[in-house]
N, C-alpha and C. Protein backbone atom coordinates (compact mmCIF):
# COMPACT_ATOMS: atom_id res chain seq x y z
N MET A 1 -10.76 16.11 21.74
CA MET A 1 -9.94 16.19 20.49
C MET A 1 -8.62 15.28 21.17
N LEU A 2 -8.33 14.43 20.71
CA LEU A 2 -6.89 13.95 20.93
C LEU A 2 -5.40 14.44 20.22
N ILE A 3 -4.25 14.29 20.66
CA ILE A 3 -3.38 14.98 20.04
C ILE A 3 -2.31 14.21 20.35
N ARG A 4 -1.59 13.46 19.38
CA ARG A 4 -0.45 12.67 19.64
C ARG A 4 0.62 12.97 18.64
N GLU A 5 1.72 12.97 19.24
CA GLU A 5 2.94 13.37 18.61
C GLU A 5 3.99 12.26 18.55
N THR A 6 4.54 11.63 17.57
CA THR A 6 5.62 10.47 17.45
C THR A 6 6.77 11.30 17.05
N VAL A 7 7.78 10.98 17.80
CA VAL A 7 9.50 11.54 17.21
C VAL A 7 10.09 10.07 16.51
N ILE A 8 10.56 10.03 15.36
CA ILE A 8 11.31 9.04 14.85
C ILE A 8 12.72 9.50 14.58
N PRO A 9 13.78 8.93 14.99
CA PRO A 9 15.31 9.11 14.61
C PRO A 9 15.52 8.83 12.95
N ILE A 10 16.29 9.58 12.72
CA ILE A 10 16.32 9.47 10.97
C ILE A 10 17.68 9.04 10.86
N ASP A 11 17.99 7.62 10.02
CA ASP A 11 19.33 7.35 9.45
C ASP A 11 19.65 8.20 8.70
N GLU A 12 21.23 8.22 8.31
CA GLU A 12 21.89 9.08 7.22
C GLU A 12 21.21 8.88 5.95
N ILE A 13 20.73 10.11 5.11
CA ILE A 13 19.91 9.71 3.93
C ILE A 13 20.99 9.90 2.80
N ASN A 14 20.95 8.70 1.74
CA ASN A 14 21.65 8.96 0.66
C ASN A 14 20.93 9.59 -0.38
N GLU A 15 21.43 10.58 -0.64
CA GLU A 15 20.97 11.66 -2.00
C GLU A 15 20.79 10.97 -3.29
N GLU A 16 21.57 10.00 -3.40
CA GLU A 16 21.61 9.23 -4.83
C GLU A 16 20.18 8.35 -4.91
N LEU A 17 19.56 8.30 -3.73
CA LEU A 17 18.48 7.73 -3.78
C LEU A 17 16.82 8.32 -3.90
N LEU A 18 17.16 9.59 -3.81
CA LEU A 18 16.10 10.44 -3.32
C LEU A 18 15.07 10.49 -4.71
N LEU A 19 13.66 10.73 -4.62
CA LEU A 19 12.76 10.66 -5.55
C LEU A 19 13.03 12.22 -6.15
N GLU A 20 13.22 12.56 -7.31
CA GLU A 20 13.44 13.70 -7.93
C GLU A 20 11.97 14.03 -8.97
N VAL A 21 11.89 15.39 -8.63
CA VAL A 21 10.45 15.85 -9.50
C VAL A 21 10.75 17.33 -9.99
N ASN A 22 10.59 17.10 -10.99
CA ASN A 22 10.75 18.65 -11.97
C ASN A 22 12.24 19.10 -11.66
N GLY A 23 13.33 18.47 -11.55
CA GLY A 23 14.58 18.72 -11.32
C GLY A 23 14.94 19.01 -9.77
N GLU A 24 13.86 18.87 -8.99
CA GLU A 24 14.40 19.01 -7.62
C GLU A 24 14.57 17.88 -6.94
N LYS A 25 15.45 17.10 -6.32
CA LYS A 25 15.75 16.12 -5.64
C LYS A 25 15.88 16.19 -3.93
N LYS A 26 15.72 17.44 -3.45
CA LYS A 26 15.74 17.64 -1.79
C LYS A 26 14.40 17.94 -1.63
N LEU A 27 13.28 17.39 -2.17
CA LEU A 27 11.84 17.37 -1.59
C LEU A 27 11.77 17.06 -0.51
N TYR A 28 12.39 15.79 -0.03
CA TYR A 28 12.14 15.32 1.50
C TYR A 28 12.40 16.48 2.79
N LYS A 29 13.16 17.37 2.36
CA LYS A 29 13.47 18.44 3.35
C LYS A 29 12.47 19.46 3.39
N LYS A 30 11.60 19.78 2.46
CA LYS A 30 11.02 20.85 2.16
C LYS A 30 9.45 20.17 2.12
N SER A 31 9.21 19.23 2.41
CA SER A 31 7.99 18.76 2.07
C SER A 31 7.10 18.20 3.60
N ILE A 32 6.01 18.54 3.53
CA ILE A 32 4.93 18.14 4.55
C ILE A 32 4.39 16.59 3.94
N TYR A 33 4.26 15.76 4.95
CA TYR A 33 3.64 14.64 4.49
C TYR A 33 2.30 14.41 5.31
N LEU A 34 1.40 14.26 4.19
CA LEU A 34 0.03 14.52 4.82
C LEU A 34 -0.69 13.22 4.53
N ASP A 35 -1.55 12.84 5.58
CA ASP A 35 -2.64 11.79 5.17
C ASP A 35 -3.84 11.99 6.21
N LEU A 36 -5.02 12.05 5.71
CA LEU A 36 -6.17 12.04 6.49
C LEU A 36 -7.28 11.12 6.62
N GLU A 37 -7.75 10.71 7.95
CA GLU A 37 -8.90 9.78 7.93
C GLU A 37 -10.05 10.41 8.07
N HIS A 38 -10.92 10.34 7.30
CA HIS A 38 -12.37 11.41 7.15
C HIS A 38 -13.54 10.32 6.87
N TYR A 39 -14.65 11.00 6.98
CA TYR A 39 -15.73 10.66 7.08
C TYR A 39 -16.70 11.40 5.61
N VAL A 40 -16.92 10.57 4.88
CA VAL A 40 -17.90 11.13 3.82
C VAL A 40 -19.24 10.53 3.68
N TYR A 41 -20.22 11.54 3.54
CA TYR A 41 -21.65 10.82 3.19
C TYR A 41 -22.18 11.84 2.41
N LYS A 42 -22.09 11.29 0.92
CA LYS A 42 -22.36 12.39 -0.05
C LYS A 42 -21.32 13.45 -0.17
N VAL A 43 -21.15 14.13 1.01
CA VAL A 43 -20.06 15.38 1.09
C VAL A 43 -19.33 14.96 2.05
N PRO A 44 -18.18 15.65 2.36
CA PRO A 44 -17.36 15.29 3.22
C PRO A 44 -17.94 15.98 4.88
N ILE A 45 -17.85 15.11 5.66
CA ILE A 45 -18.60 15.55 6.97
C ILE A 45 -17.60 15.68 7.87
N CYS A 46 -16.57 15.10 7.99
CA CYS A 46 -15.38 15.84 9.18
C CYS A 46 -14.10 14.62 8.93
N VAL A 47 -13.01 15.27 9.40
CA VAL A 47 -11.68 14.59 9.53
C VAL A 47 -11.85 13.95 10.82
N GLY A 48 -11.49 12.58 10.69
CA GLY A 48 -11.31 11.83 11.82
C GLY A 48 -9.89 11.87 12.25
N VAL A 49 -9.00 11.83 11.76
CA VAL A 49 -7.64 11.97 11.96
C VAL A 49 -6.89 12.92 10.88
N PHE A 50 -6.45 14.06 11.45
CA PHE A 50 -5.63 14.87 10.83
C PHE A 50 -3.99 14.75 10.86
N GLY A 51 -3.26 13.67 10.18
CA GLY A 51 -2.01 13.51 10.18
C GLY A 51 -1.10 14.15 9.19
N ILE A 52 0.13 14.62 10.04
CA ILE A 52 1.27 15.71 9.62
C ILE A 52 2.22 15.35 9.75
N GLY A 53 3.15 15.17 8.85
CA GLY A 53 4.67 14.37 9.18
C GLY A 53 5.55 15.60 8.67
N TYR A 54 6.63 15.83 9.02
CA TYR A 54 7.96 16.62 8.66
C TYR A 54 9.14 16.05 9.14
N LEU A 55 10.18 16.62 8.42
CA LEU A 55 11.43 16.58 8.94
C LEU A 55 11.89 17.54 9.74
N ASP A 56 12.28 17.11 10.85
CA ASP A 56 13.04 18.15 11.71
C ASP A 56 14.61 18.08 11.53
N GLU A 57 15.12 18.95 10.60
CA GLU A 57 16.47 18.72 10.35
C GLU A 57 17.40 19.12 11.48
N GLU A 58 16.91 20.15 12.27
CA GLU A 58 17.98 20.58 13.15
C GLU A 58 18.30 19.44 14.48
N ASN A 59 17.14 18.44 14.51
CA ASN A 59 17.34 17.52 15.61
C ASN A 59 17.55 16.08 14.95
N ASN A 60 17.43 16.06 13.20
CA ASN A 60 17.42 14.90 12.76
C ASN A 60 16.57 14.01 13.04
N GLU A 61 15.22 14.50 13.09
CA GLU A 61 14.25 13.38 13.46
C GLU A 61 13.08 13.70 12.73
N PHE A 62 11.82 12.82 12.30
CA PHE A 62 10.97 12.84 11.51
C PHE A 62 9.69 12.80 12.50
N ARG A 63 9.03 13.86 12.55
CA ARG A 63 8.00 13.94 13.47
C ARG A 63 6.30 14.08 13.13
N VAL A 64 5.94 13.29 13.39
CA VAL A 64 4.17 13.10 12.98
C VAL A 64 3.34 13.50 14.24
N VAL A 65 2.55 14.44 13.83
CA VAL A 65 1.55 15.20 14.92
C VAL A 65 0.27 14.86 14.19
N GLN A 66 -0.41 14.34 15.11
CA GLN A 66 -2.04 14.01 14.73
C GLN A 66 -3.07 14.65 15.49
N TYR A 67 -4.00 14.82 15.16
CA TYR A 67 -5.12 15.40 15.93
C TYR A 67 -6.35 14.80 15.50
N MET A 68 -7.18 14.00 16.30
CA MET A 68 -8.27 13.18 16.28
C MET A 68 -9.32 13.49 17.01
N LEU A 69 -10.51 13.49 16.19
CA LEU A 69 -11.76 13.81 16.47
C LEU A 69 -12.29 12.82 17.16
N GLU A 70 -12.99 13.40 18.60
CA GLU A 70 -13.65 12.43 19.77
C GLU A 70 -14.97 12.26 19.49
N ASN A 71 -15.58 13.29 19.18
CA ASN A 71 -16.81 13.60 18.97
C ASN A 71 -17.16 14.98 18.16
N ARG A 72 -18.49 14.98 17.49
CA ARG A 72 -18.68 16.31 16.45
C ARG A 72 -18.32 17.58 17.19
N GLN A 73 -18.26 17.70 18.29
CA GLN A 73 -17.87 18.96 18.85
C GLN A 73 -16.46 19.41 18.26
N ASP A 74 -15.84 18.25 18.10
CA ASP A 74 -14.35 18.34 17.75
C ASP A 74 -14.03 18.76 16.43
N VAL A 75 -14.87 18.77 15.27
CA VAL A 75 -15.05 18.94 14.05
C VAL A 75 -14.03 19.89 13.55
N ARG A 76 -14.46 21.26 13.58
CA ARG A 76 -13.77 22.68 13.77
C ARG A 76 -12.48 22.65 14.50
N VAL A 77 -12.15 22.05 15.70
CA VAL A 77 -11.04 22.21 16.34
C VAL A 77 -10.03 21.57 15.78
N VAL A 78 -10.39 20.40 15.11
CA VAL A 78 -9.37 19.47 14.57
C VAL A 78 -9.01 20.07 13.20
N LEU A 79 -9.84 20.65 12.35
CA LEU A 79 -9.54 21.52 11.02
C LEU A 79 -8.85 22.81 11.34
N HIS A 80 -8.85 23.32 12.30
CA HIS A 80 -8.04 24.71 12.89
C HIS A 80 -6.92 24.27 13.55
N LYS A 81 -6.40 23.09 14.09
CA LYS A 81 -5.28 22.67 14.43
C LYS A 81 -4.42 22.29 13.62
N GLY A 82 -5.13 21.51 12.30
CA GLY A 82 -4.54 21.23 11.23
C GLY A 82 -3.98 22.34 10.50
N LYS A 83 -4.77 23.35 10.47
CA LYS A 83 -4.36 24.52 9.44
C LYS A 83 -3.23 25.18 10.00
N GLU A 84 -3.12 25.42 11.72
CA GLU A 84 -2.39 26.24 12.29
C GLU A 84 -0.95 25.60 12.15
N LEU A 85 -0.86 24.08 12.37
CA LEU A 85 0.40 23.14 11.94
C LEU A 85 0.92 23.45 10.64
N LEU A 86 0.01 23.56 9.63
CA LEU A 86 0.45 23.88 8.40
C LEU A 86 1.10 25.38 7.98
N GLU A 87 0.62 26.30 8.62
CA GLU A 87 1.15 27.57 8.78
C GLU A 87 2.22 27.52 9.37
N LYS A 88 2.32 27.15 10.54
CA LYS A 88 3.81 27.07 11.25
C LYS A 88 4.90 26.32 10.50
N LEU A 89 4.69 25.20 9.69
CA LEU A 89 5.56 24.71 9.27
C LEU A 89 5.92 25.19 7.71
N LYS A 90 5.15 26.22 7.04
CA LYS A 90 5.56 26.95 6.08
C LYS A 90 6.27 28.15 6.77
N LYS A 91 6.14 28.92 7.80
CA LYS A 91 6.67 30.08 8.00
C LYS A 91 7.88 29.69 8.73
N GLU A 92 7.96 28.66 9.63
CA GLU A 92 9.22 28.49 10.46
C GLU A 92 10.01 27.46 10.13
N PHE A 93 9.46 26.58 9.18
CA PHE A 93 10.48 25.70 8.84
C PHE A 93 10.62 25.26 7.12
N GLY A 94 10.03 26.42 6.61
CA GLY A 94 10.41 26.70 5.07
C GLY A 94 9.56 25.49 4.32
N LYS A 95 8.74 24.91 4.80
CA LYS A 95 8.07 23.53 4.16
C LYS A 95 7.18 24.26 2.83
N LYS A 96 7.25 23.89 1.47
CA LYS A 96 6.72 24.38 0.54
C LYS A 96 5.70 23.40 -0.20
N TYR A 97 6.20 22.07 0.20
CA TYR A 97 5.22 20.96 -1.04
C TYR A 97 4.55 20.10 0.32
N ILE A 98 3.48 19.66 -0.42
CA ILE A 98 2.61 18.52 0.50
C ILE A 98 2.71 17.42 -0.70
N THR A 99 3.32 16.48 0.37
CA THR A 99 3.41 15.02 -0.22
C THR A 99 2.22 14.12 0.41
N THR A 100 1.48 13.54 -0.61
CA THR A 100 0.44 12.54 -0.47
C THR A 100 0.49 11.14 -1.20
N PHE A 101 -0.64 10.37 -0.73
CA PHE A 101 -0.52 9.17 -1.86
C PHE A 101 -1.75 9.26 -2.08
N SER A 102 -2.25 9.49 -3.45
CA SER A 102 -3.31 9.66 -4.31
C SER A 102 -4.25 10.88 -3.28
N GLY A 103 -3.45 11.72 -3.39
CA GLY A 103 -3.87 12.73 -2.38
C GLY A 103 -5.26 13.72 -2.83
N ASN A 104 -5.81 13.34 -4.25
CA ASN A 104 -6.90 14.21 -4.51
C ASN A 104 -8.32 14.49 -3.67
N ASN A 105 -8.40 12.98 -2.99
CA ASN A 105 -9.40 13.01 -2.23
C ASN A 105 -9.51 13.73 -0.74
N ASP A 106 -8.03 13.58 -0.20
CA ASP A 106 -7.70 14.52 1.07
C ASP A 106 -7.82 15.95 0.75
N PHE A 107 -7.45 16.28 -0.71
CA PHE A 107 -7.43 17.87 -1.00
C PHE A 107 -8.90 18.33 -0.90
N THR A 108 -9.84 17.40 -1.76
CA THR A 108 -10.81 17.55 -1.78
C THR A 108 -11.97 18.03 -0.32
N VAL A 109 -11.57 16.82 0.65
CA VAL A 109 -12.03 17.11 1.78
C VAL A 109 -11.70 18.33 2.66
N ILE A 110 -10.38 18.69 2.53
CA ILE A 110 -10.03 19.74 3.25
C ILE A 110 -10.42 21.12 2.62
N ARG A 111 -10.72 21.20 1.34
CA ARG A 111 -10.99 22.48 0.82
C ARG A 111 -12.54 22.53 0.80
N TYR A 112 -13.49 21.43 0.80
CA TYR A 112 -14.77 21.56 1.22
C TYR A 112 -14.94 22.16 2.90
N LEU A 113 -14.09 21.34 3.76
CA LEU A 113 -14.45 21.39 5.12
C LEU A 113 -13.90 23.08 5.54
N PHE A 114 -12.95 23.36 5.07
CA PHE A 114 -12.14 24.61 5.34
C PHE A 114 -13.40 25.66 4.65
N LYS A 115 -13.70 25.45 3.55
CA LYS A 115 -14.69 26.66 3.26
C LYS A 115 -16.03 26.79 3.91
N LYS A 116 -16.53 25.13 4.34
CA LYS A 116 -17.83 25.04 5.22
C LYS A 116 -17.32 25.84 6.35
N TYR A 117 -16.50 25.56 7.16
CA TYR A 117 -16.00 26.42 8.54
C TYR A 117 -15.55 27.65 8.70
N LYS A 118 -15.03 28.24 7.38
CA LYS A 118 -14.62 29.24 7.44
C LYS A 118 -13.18 29.42 7.85
N ILE A 119 -12.63 28.49 7.37
CA ILE A 119 -11.23 28.51 7.78
C ILE A 119 -10.31 29.19 6.66
N ASP A 120 -9.54 30.26 6.78
CA ASP A 120 -8.93 31.02 5.71
C ASP A 120 -7.51 30.49 5.27
N MET A 121 -7.53 29.27 4.49
CA MET A 121 -6.49 28.81 3.92
C MET A 121 -6.73 28.04 2.90
N ASP A 122 -5.99 28.33 1.49
CA ASP A 122 -6.28 27.70 0.19
C ASP A 122 -5.21 26.38 0.24
N VAL A 123 -5.23 25.59 0.64
CA VAL A 123 -3.92 24.48 0.73
C VAL A 123 -3.15 24.33 -0.36
N ASN A 124 -3.99 24.45 -1.67
CA ASN A 124 -3.43 24.06 -3.04
C ASN A 124 -2.45 25.41 -3.70
N LYS A 125 -2.85 26.47 -3.01
CA LYS A 125 -2.47 27.70 -3.43
C LYS A 125 -0.98 27.78 -2.57
N GLU A 126 -0.97 27.67 -1.08
CA GLU A 126 -0.02 27.68 -0.01
C GLU A 126 1.01 26.73 -0.48
N PHE A 127 0.94 25.29 -1.01
CA PHE A 127 1.96 24.49 -1.03
C PHE A 127 1.61 23.75 -2.46
N ALA A 128 2.71 23.49 -3.00
CA ALA A 128 2.92 22.55 -4.19
C ALA A 128 2.62 21.23 -3.98
N SER A 129 2.12 20.37 -4.60
CA SER A 129 1.61 19.06 -4.32
C SER A 129 2.38 18.18 -5.19
N ILE A 130 2.80 17.19 -4.38
CA ILE A 130 3.55 16.07 -4.76
C ILE A 130 3.04 14.75 -4.79
N ASP A 131 2.20 13.80 -5.64
CA ASP A 131 1.49 12.65 -5.20
C ASP A 131 2.24 11.57 -5.54
N ILE A 132 2.77 10.71 -4.66
CA ILE A 132 3.63 9.35 -4.94
C ILE A 132 2.88 8.39 -6.06
N GLN A 133 1.79 8.51 -5.62
CA GLN A 133 0.79 7.32 -6.70
C GLN A 133 1.51 7.87 -8.08
N GLU A 134 0.89 9.10 -8.29
CA GLU A 134 1.47 9.49 -9.67
C GLU A 134 2.88 9.73 -10.29
N GLU A 135 3.59 9.96 -8.96
CA GLU A 135 5.06 9.60 -9.45
C GLU A 135 5.41 8.16 -9.76
N TYR A 136 4.54 7.22 -9.58
CA TYR A 136 4.95 5.87 -9.67
C TYR A 136 4.38 5.52 -11.07
N LYS A 137 3.09 6.38 -11.43
CA LYS A 137 2.77 6.13 -12.80
C LYS A 137 3.50 6.64 -13.53
N LYS A 138 4.14 7.78 -13.63
CA LYS A 138 5.12 8.25 -14.54
C LYS A 138 6.12 7.28 -14.79
N ALA A 139 6.67 6.60 -13.77
CA ALA A 139 7.66 5.78 -13.78
C ALA A 139 7.44 4.36 -14.55
N LYS A 140 6.20 3.86 -14.03
CA LYS A 140 6.12 2.49 -14.73
C LYS A 140 4.96 2.70 -15.58
N ASN A 141 4.35 3.54 -15.57
CA ASN A 141 2.98 3.53 -16.34
C ASN A 141 1.80 2.75 -15.87
N GLU A 142 1.92 2.49 -14.61
CA GLU A 142 0.65 1.76 -14.32
C GLU A 142 0.21 2.35 -12.77
N ILE A 143 -0.90 2.22 -12.30
CA ILE A 143 -1.50 2.68 -11.22
C ILE A 143 -1.05 1.44 -9.71
N ILE A 144 -0.79 1.86 -8.88
CA ILE A 144 -0.44 1.02 -7.64
C ILE A 144 -1.15 1.53 -6.47
N GLY A 145 -1.45 0.70 -5.55
CA GLY A 145 -2.16 1.17 -4.28
C GLY A 145 -0.94 1.31 -3.33
N LEU A 146 -0.80 1.73 -2.19
CA LEU A 146 0.00 2.14 -0.93
C LEU A 146 0.53 0.99 -0.71
N LYS A 147 -0.32 0.10 -0.23
CA LYS A 147 0.19 -1.13 0.44
C LYS A 147 0.92 -2.18 -0.41
N ASN A 148 0.78 -2.10 -1.52
CA ASN A 148 1.50 -2.92 -2.64
C ASN A 148 2.75 -1.64 -3.25
N LEU A 149 2.87 -0.65 -3.00
CA LEU A 149 4.18 -0.10 -3.14
C LEU A 149 5.09 -0.31 -1.93
N GLU A 150 4.38 -0.11 -0.71
CA GLU A 150 5.36 -0.51 0.50
C GLU A 150 5.92 -1.77 0.37
N LYS A 151 5.15 -2.65 -0.33
CA LYS A 151 5.83 -4.13 -0.50
C LYS A 151 7.15 -4.10 -1.25
N ILE A 152 6.98 -3.36 -2.47
CA ILE A 152 8.25 -3.11 -3.46
C ILE A 152 9.26 -2.68 -2.50
N PHE A 153 9.14 -1.67 -1.52
CA PHE A 153 10.06 -0.96 -0.76
C PHE A 153 10.47 -1.66 0.48
N ASN A 154 9.85 -3.06 0.34
CA ASN A 154 10.47 -4.01 1.70
C ASN A 154 9.86 -3.13 2.95
N ILE A 155 8.75 -2.46 3.10
CA ILE A 155 8.26 -1.66 4.49
C ILE A 155 7.38 -2.65 5.09
N ASP A 156 7.90 -3.10 6.09
CA ASP A 156 6.76 -3.95 6.97
C ASP A 156 6.41 -2.90 8.01
N ARG A 157 4.92 -2.92 7.96
CA ARG A 157 4.13 -1.87 8.76
C ARG A 157 4.38 -2.33 10.34
N ASP A 158 4.26 -3.71 10.30
CA ASP A 158 4.36 -4.10 11.90
C ASP A 158 3.07 -3.79 12.80
N SER A 159 2.14 -3.63 12.07
CA SER A 159 0.87 -3.19 12.84
C SER A 159 -0.24 -3.60 11.74
N GLU A 160 -1.41 -3.71 12.55
CA GLU A 160 -2.50 -4.15 11.72
C GLU A 160 -3.13 -3.12 10.70
N VAL A 161 -3.46 -3.84 9.46
CA VAL A 161 -4.12 -3.13 8.66
C VAL A 161 -5.25 -2.74 8.60
N ILE A 162 -5.90 -1.56 8.63
CA ILE A 162 -7.22 -1.23 8.73
C ILE A 162 -7.69 -0.85 7.21
N SER A 163 -8.92 -1.43 6.78
CA SER A 163 -9.47 -1.01 5.85
C SER A 163 -10.10 0.50 5.88
N GLY A 164 -10.27 1.02 4.52
CA GLY A 164 -10.76 2.55 4.51
C GLY A 164 -12.29 2.53 5.02
N ASN A 165 -13.04 1.31 4.62
CA ASN A 165 -14.30 1.59 4.90
C ASN A 165 -14.40 1.39 6.44
N THR A 166 -13.62 0.62 7.11
CA THR A 166 -13.66 0.31 8.46
C THR A 166 -13.28 1.42 9.35
N LEU A 167 -12.21 2.21 8.76
CA LEU A 167 -11.89 3.67 9.36
C LEU A 167 -13.19 4.65 9.29
N ALA A 168 -13.81 4.78 8.01
CA ALA A 168 -14.59 5.47 7.95
C ALA A 168 -15.93 5.35 8.53
N LYS A 169 -16.42 3.97 8.73
CA LYS A 169 -17.49 3.64 9.87
C LYS A 169 -17.21 4.22 11.33
N THR A 170 -15.78 4.09 11.81
CA THR A 170 -15.74 4.34 13.02
C THR A 170 -15.65 5.67 13.43
N ILE A 171 -15.18 6.60 12.37
CA ILE A 171 -15.29 7.79 12.53
C ILE A 171 -16.66 8.51 12.53
N GLY A 172 -17.40 7.74 11.46
CA GLY A 172 -19.04 8.05 11.71
C GLY A 172 -19.60 8.15 12.79
N LYS A 173 -19.33 6.79 13.38
CA LYS A 173 -19.83 6.54 14.76
C LYS A 173 -19.58 7.76 15.84
N MET A 174 -18.01 8.00 15.90
CA MET A 174 -17.81 8.90 16.92
C MET A 174 -18.38 10.35 16.30
N PHE A 175 -18.92 10.58 15.33
CA PHE A 175 -19.45 11.75 14.75
C PHE A 175 -20.75 11.90 15.19
N HIS A 176 -21.08 10.81 14.89
CA HIS A 176 -22.95 10.97 15.21
C HIS A 176 -23.51 10.35 16.58
N ASP A 177 -22.42 9.84 17.24
CA ASP A 177 -22.81 9.36 18.65
C ASP A 177 -21.76 10.00 19.86
N GLU A 178 -22.18 11.27 20.46
CA GLU A 178 -21.10 11.93 21.10
C GLU A 178 -20.75 10.91 22.47
N GLU A 179 -21.21 10.07 22.82
CA GLU A 179 -20.93 8.95 23.97
C GLU A 179 -19.88 7.75 23.32
N TYR A 180 -19.65 7.79 21.97
CA TYR A 180 -18.93 6.52 21.36
C TYR A 180 -17.66 6.77 22.06
N CYS A 181 -17.00 7.74 22.04
CA CYS A 181 -15.48 8.01 22.44
C CYS A 181 -15.29 7.39 23.77
N TYR A 182 -16.45 7.35 24.52
CA TYR A 182 -15.93 6.70 25.92
C TYR A 182 -16.22 5.19 26.13
N ARG A 183 -16.98 4.76 25.05
CA ARG A 183 -17.24 3.42 24.78
C ARG A 183 -16.06 2.73 23.96
N ILE A 184 -15.67 3.33 23.05
CA ILE A 184 -14.73 2.68 22.09
C ILE A 184 -13.29 2.01 22.96
N PRO A 185 -12.95 1.02 22.64
CA PRO A 185 -11.60 0.53 23.33
C PRO A 185 -10.51 1.67 23.03
N LYS A 186 -9.71 1.59 24.00
CA LYS A 186 -8.47 2.44 23.71
C LYS A 186 -7.57 2.11 22.72
N GLU A 187 -7.71 0.37 22.56
CA GLU A 187 -6.69 -0.15 21.66
C GLU A 187 -7.08 0.08 20.30
N LYS A 188 -8.63 0.43 20.09
CA LYS A 188 -9.08 0.59 18.74
C LYS A 188 -8.70 1.96 18.13
N ILE A 189 -8.64 2.81 19.16
CA ILE A 189 -8.11 4.19 18.76
C ILE A 189 -6.60 4.14 18.45
N ASP A 190 -5.85 3.76 19.50
CA ASP A 190 -4.30 2.92 19.03
C ASP A 190 -4.20 2.97 18.00
N LYS A 191 -4.95 1.76 17.43
CA LYS A 191 -4.69 1.05 16.04
C LYS A 191 -4.86 2.23 14.88
N ILE A 192 -5.90 2.80 15.15
CA ILE A 192 -6.34 3.94 14.09
C ILE A 192 -5.10 4.87 13.95
N LEU A 193 -4.53 5.60 15.12
CA LEU A 193 -3.37 6.15 15.25
C LEU A 193 -2.22 5.76 14.82
N ILE A 194 -1.71 4.57 14.87
CA ILE A 194 -0.77 4.08 14.46
C ILE A 194 -0.97 3.84 12.98
N TYR A 195 -1.85 3.22 12.47
CA TYR A 195 -2.19 3.16 11.02
C TYR A 195 -1.94 4.42 10.25
N ASN A 196 -2.39 5.52 10.80
CA ASN A 196 -2.17 6.63 10.16
C ASN A 196 -0.80 7.16 10.39
N GLU A 197 -0.15 7.02 11.27
CA GLU A 197 1.15 7.43 11.34
C GLU A 197 1.97 6.66 10.41
N LYS A 198 1.85 5.59 10.41
CA LYS A 198 2.50 4.58 9.23
C LYS A 198 2.37 5.01 7.93
N ASP A 199 1.17 5.27 7.34
CA ASP A 199 0.49 6.24 6.28
C ASP A 199 1.80 7.47 6.10
N VAL A 200 1.59 8.22 7.02
CA VAL A 200 2.59 9.33 6.80
C VAL A 200 3.96 8.93 6.80
N TYR A 201 4.44 8.33 7.74
CA TYR A 201 5.97 7.98 8.18
C TYR A 201 6.30 7.41 6.42
N ASN A 202 5.74 6.35 6.09
CA ASN A 202 5.82 5.75 5.05
C ASN A 202 6.26 6.50 3.58
N LEU A 203 5.29 7.47 3.82
CA LEU A 203 5.69 8.60 2.15
C LEU A 203 6.88 9.37 2.42
N PHE A 204 7.63 9.39 3.41
CA PHE A 204 8.73 9.86 3.81
C PHE A 204 9.93 8.93 3.48
N LEU A 205 9.69 7.59 3.86
CA LEU A 205 10.73 6.50 3.68
C LEU A 205 10.49 6.57 2.03
N ILE A 206 9.40 6.42 1.40
CA ILE A 206 9.41 5.88 -0.08
C ILE A 206 10.20 7.20 -0.61
N ASN A 207 9.83 8.48 -0.43
CA ASN A 207 10.62 9.50 -0.81
C ASN A 207 11.96 9.51 -1.04
N THR A 208 12.38 8.99 0.29
CA THR A 208 13.80 8.95 0.33
C THR A 208 14.65 7.81 -0.14
N LEU A 209 13.86 6.58 -0.69
CA LEU A 209 14.53 5.42 -0.95
C LEU A 209 14.16 5.44 -2.44
N TRP A 210 13.54 6.22 -3.12
CA TRP A 210 12.63 5.94 -4.54
C TRP A 210 13.96 5.20 -5.32
N ASN A 211 15.14 5.50 -5.67
CA ASN A 211 15.85 5.30 -6.73
C ASN A 211 16.58 3.92 -6.52
N LYS A 212 16.25 3.12 -5.21
CA LYS A 212 16.63 2.27 -4.69
C LYS A 212 15.60 1.13 -5.22
N PHE A 213 14.57 1.28 -5.36
CA PHE A 213 13.46 0.16 -5.56
C PHE A 213 12.63 0.62 -6.90
N ILE A 214 12.95 1.86 -7.94
CA ILE A 214 12.23 2.28 -8.85
C ILE A 214 13.21 2.71 -10.07
N ASP A 215 13.49 1.86 -11.01
CA ASP A 215 14.27 2.41 -12.04
C ASP A 215 13.12 2.57 -13.14
N LYS A 216 13.54 3.90 -13.66
CA LYS A 216 12.76 4.26 -14.89
C LYS A 216 13.14 3.68 -16.07
């Protein structure tokens, strides 16, 4: 299993611009930002990248922690590491929300695999869910994809966009071929991790800049 942690300094946040959900404006402080890269064949098979981001208020930093599967031997440990970090963030950092973009698929995968591998956590009971796609739909009465929403927010990824299908195929190869992790170019691994990191961090940016670009 690969573990990657990225620390991003945070500029001063203008609270007038924050996304508000159910009267709560400081969600960004209390939220975990989640994005999974997974492999599904009829049913969820594995999580290839378990990406978790959160605000470290004490150090004024945003941290992204990623657990990446190298082969099928890592399936259980990736899930356990994800669960352990979620628990830590709830207990030690007071996080009580999970922010996603169109997160139903991710939650379905987590519930299925946690149950299959007897991992004792019901994510939807432990955390309230905030779905950025749903919040946009409430504001604009239309559905939008993450990349198009990023354009509205003038977010430049500065990295290669990877299709979900390409990601799933790569994770599938890593699951089925235990030697593939030794053949896959390091640059390809880096691209996947950077892509997932941007997915996670951009959820935070959208949350904290909401009212600058979205008028109800």
